[in-house]
Amino acid sequence: MKRLIPWRDSHLLEEARMEFDEVFRRMFGAPIEINGNGKKAWNPHIDVSENDKALVVKADLPGVDPKDIDITVDEGVLIIKGENKEQREDKQKDYRRMERFVGQFYRSIPLPSGVDKDKVTANTANGVITITVPKTPGAQPRKVTVKAGE
């Protein structure tokens, strides 16, 4: 039997939902998703840069307590994971509003060969955590002098 209202087909609704999700992802950044254990999960934005001496990773983690961040280097991968436990309260004369957000995050960044995993450092300021992964001396670029031929 043919439906009179074609947009009620479930696959069309699913396609529309996916389109809306994509639009919101582009407009507002990292999506909030439900992970396997039913908790909200989000992916913080990261910037990765490299210079002659180190690989530098900056992750936007506003409102996240440094105690709730776990950084590890394992088999050539830098892993940043943790949990955001944010609570906002607004008290006025006529009302009181409290919002809570609890969500887990997980990011993994593959590391190039020649990094010194024993000297990784992490600092946080203004909601941004900066992770510095130094390169080993042998992995740093070496300038070669060109000699004139005889």
Protein backbone atom coordinates (compact mmCIF):
# COMPACT_ATOMS: atom_id res chain seq x y z
CA MET A 1 0.00 0.00 0.00
CA LYS A 2 1.34 3.40 -0.91
CA ARG A 3 1.51 6.03 1.82
CA LEU A 4 -0.27 9.31 1.35
CA ILE A 5 2.41 11.20 3.28
CA PRO A 6 5.81 10.06 1.95
CA TRP A 7 7.87 11.85 4.63
CA ARG A 8 6.53 9.46 7.26
CA ASP A 9 8.75 6.70 5.91
CA SER A 10 11.29 5.89 8.60
CA HIS A 11 14.31 5.97 6.29
CA LEU A 12 13.41 9.50 5.16
CA LEU A 13 13.13 10.65 8.78
CA GLU A 14 16.50 9.07 9.54
CA GLU A 15 18.09 10.85 6.59
CA ALA A 16 16.62 14.16 7.75
CA ARG A 17 17.92 13.57 11.30
CA MET A 18 21.39 12.86 9.95
CA GLU A 19 21.30 16.06 7.88
CA PHE A 20 20.33 18.11 10.94
CA ASP A 21 23.09 16.47 12.99
CA GLU A 22 25.63 17.38 10.30
CA VAL A 23 24.43 21.00 10.16
CA PHE A 24 24.66 21.36 13.95
CA ARG A 25 28.09 19.70 13.98
CA ARG A 26 29.39 22.21 11.43
CA MET A 27 27.85 25.18 13.24
CA PHE A 28 28.62 24.34 16.86
CA GLY A 29 31.61 22.03 16.79
CA ALA A 30 32.09 18.83 18.75
CA PRO A 31 28.92 16.78 19.12
CA ILE A 32 27.62 15.36 22.36
CA GLU A 33 26.87 11.68 21.98
CA ILE A 34 25.71 8.85 24.19
CA ASN A 35 28.44 6.26 24.64
CA GLY A 36 28.05 2.55 25.34
CA ASN A 37 27.47 2.92 29.08
CA GLY A 38 24.67 5.49 28.68
CA LYS A 39 26.72 8.54 29.69
CA LYS A 40 27.10 11.62 27.53
CA ALA A 41 30.42 11.83 25.68
CA TRP A 42 31.98 14.72 23.81
CA ASN A 43 35.14 15.26 21.85
CA PRO A 44 37.09 18.36 22.81
CA HIS A 45 38.68 20.33 19.99
CA ILE A 46 42.43 19.86 19.62
CA ASP A 47 45.21 21.60 17.72
CA VAL A 48 48.40 19.71 16.86
CA SER A 49 51.55 21.52 15.77
CA GLU A 50 55.14 20.47 15.33
CA ASN A 51 58.42 22.34 15.49
CA ASP A 52 62.07 21.26 15.39
CA LYS A 53 62.11 20.19 19.03
CA ALA A 54 58.63 18.92 19.90
CA LEU A 55 55.10 18.02 18.98
CA VAL A 56 52.61 20.34 20.74
CA VAL A 57 48.98 19.36 21.35
CA LYS A 58 46.44 21.88 22.66
CA ALA A 59 43.04 20.64 23.82
CA ASP A 60 40.09 22.88 24.70
CA LEU A 61 38.82 21.61 28.05
CA PRO A 62 36.99 24.53 29.68
CA GLY A 63 35.58 23.78 33.12
CA VAL A 64 37.39 20.44 33.40
CA ASP A 65 39.36 19.94 36.61
CA PRO A 66 42.95 18.83 35.84
CA LYS A 67 42.44 15.96 38.32
CA ASP A 68 39.79 14.57 35.94
CA ILE A 69 42.17 14.42 32.94
CA ASP A 70 44.23 11.31 32.20
CA ILE A 71 47.08 11.62 29.66
CA THR A 72 49.02 8.55 28.56
CA VAL A 73 51.47 7.62 25.81
CA ASP A 74 51.17 4.02 24.72
CA GLU A 75 52.62 2.33 21.63
CA GLY A 76 53.08 5.56 19.69
CA VAL A 77 49.69 7.08 20.56
CA LEU A 78 48.96 10.04 22.84
CA ILE A 79 45.66 9.45 24.66
CA ILE A 80 43.72 12.23 26.38
CA LYS A 81 40.67 11.08 28.32
CA GLY A 82 38.66 12.11 31.30
CA GLU A 83 35.36 13.40 32.52
CA ASN A 84 33.75 16.82 32.58
CA LYS A 85 31.70 17.51 35.71
CA GLU A 86 30.26 20.96 35.29
CA GLN A 87 27.60 22.57 37.45
CA ARG A 88 26.09 26.02 37.01
CA GLU A 89 23.79 27.71 39.46
CA ASP A 90 21.82 30.91 38.98
CA LYS A 91 20.06 32.35 42.03
CA GLN A 92 17.73 35.29 41.70
CA LYS A 93 15.12 36.75 43.98
CA ASP A 94 12.24 34.91 42.31
CA TYR A 95 13.91 31.74 41.09
CA ARG A 96 16.84 29.37 41.34
CA ARG A 97 18.21 27.46 38.35
CA MET A 98 20.85 24.75 38.45
CA GLU A 99 22.30 22.96 35.45
CA ARG A 100 24.64 19.99 35.52
CA PHE A 101 26.65 18.40 32.75
CA VAL A 102 28.62 15.22 33.17
CA GLY A 103 30.34 13.78 30.12
CA GLN A 104 33.32 11.65 29.26
CA PHE A 105 35.83 12.49 26.56
CA TYR A 106 38.49 10.54 24.72
CA ARG A 107 40.94 11.68 22.06
CA SER A 108 43.87 9.75 20.60
CA ILE A 109 46.64 11.29 18.53
CA PRO A 110 49.16 9.10 16.68
CA LEU A 111 52.72 10.20 17.37
CA PRO A 112 55.54 10.23 14.83
CA SER A 113 58.60 8.09 15.42
CA GLY A 114 61.46 9.69 17.31
CA VAL A 115 59.57 11.23 20.23
CA ASP A 116 60.70 10.93 23.84
CA LYS A 117 57.65 9.54 25.65
CA ASP A 118 59.42 9.76 29.02
CA LYS A 119 59.66 13.58 28.88
CA VAL A 120 56.06 14.47 27.97
CA THR A 121 54.74 17.48 29.90
CA ALA A 122 51.25 18.92 30.31
CA ASN A 123 50.18 22.36 31.53
CA THR A 124 46.77 23.98 31.76
CA ALA A 125 45.70 27.62 31.61
CA ASN A 126 42.39 29.31 30.78
CA GLY A 127 40.62 26.06 29.90
CA VAL A 128 43.29 24.89 27.44
CA ILE A 129 45.65 22.03 28.23
CA THR A 130 48.99 22.12 26.39
CA ILE A 131 50.85 18.82 26.01
CA THR A 132 54.45 18.94 24.81
CA VAL A 133 55.98 15.76 23.40
CA PRO A 134 59.71 16.39 22.87
CA LYS A 135 61.62 14.78 20.03
CA THR A 136 64.72 12.71 20.69
CA PRO A 137 68.01 14.36 19.65
CA GLY A 138 68.43 11.89 16.79
CA ALA A 139 64.98 12.74 15.40
CA GLN A 140 65.67 16.46 15.13
CA PRO A 141 66.59 17.81 11.71
CA ARG A 142 70.27 18.05 10.92
CA LYS A 143 71.64 20.62 8.54
CA VAL A 144 74.06 19.26 5.96
CA THR A 145 76.69 21.56 4.52
CA VAL A 146 77.27 21.36 0.78
CA LYS A 147 80.97 21.46 -0.16
CA ALA A 148 82.21 22.80 -3.45
CA GLY A 149 83.68 20.17 -5.78
CA GLU A 150 87.29 20.27 -6.96
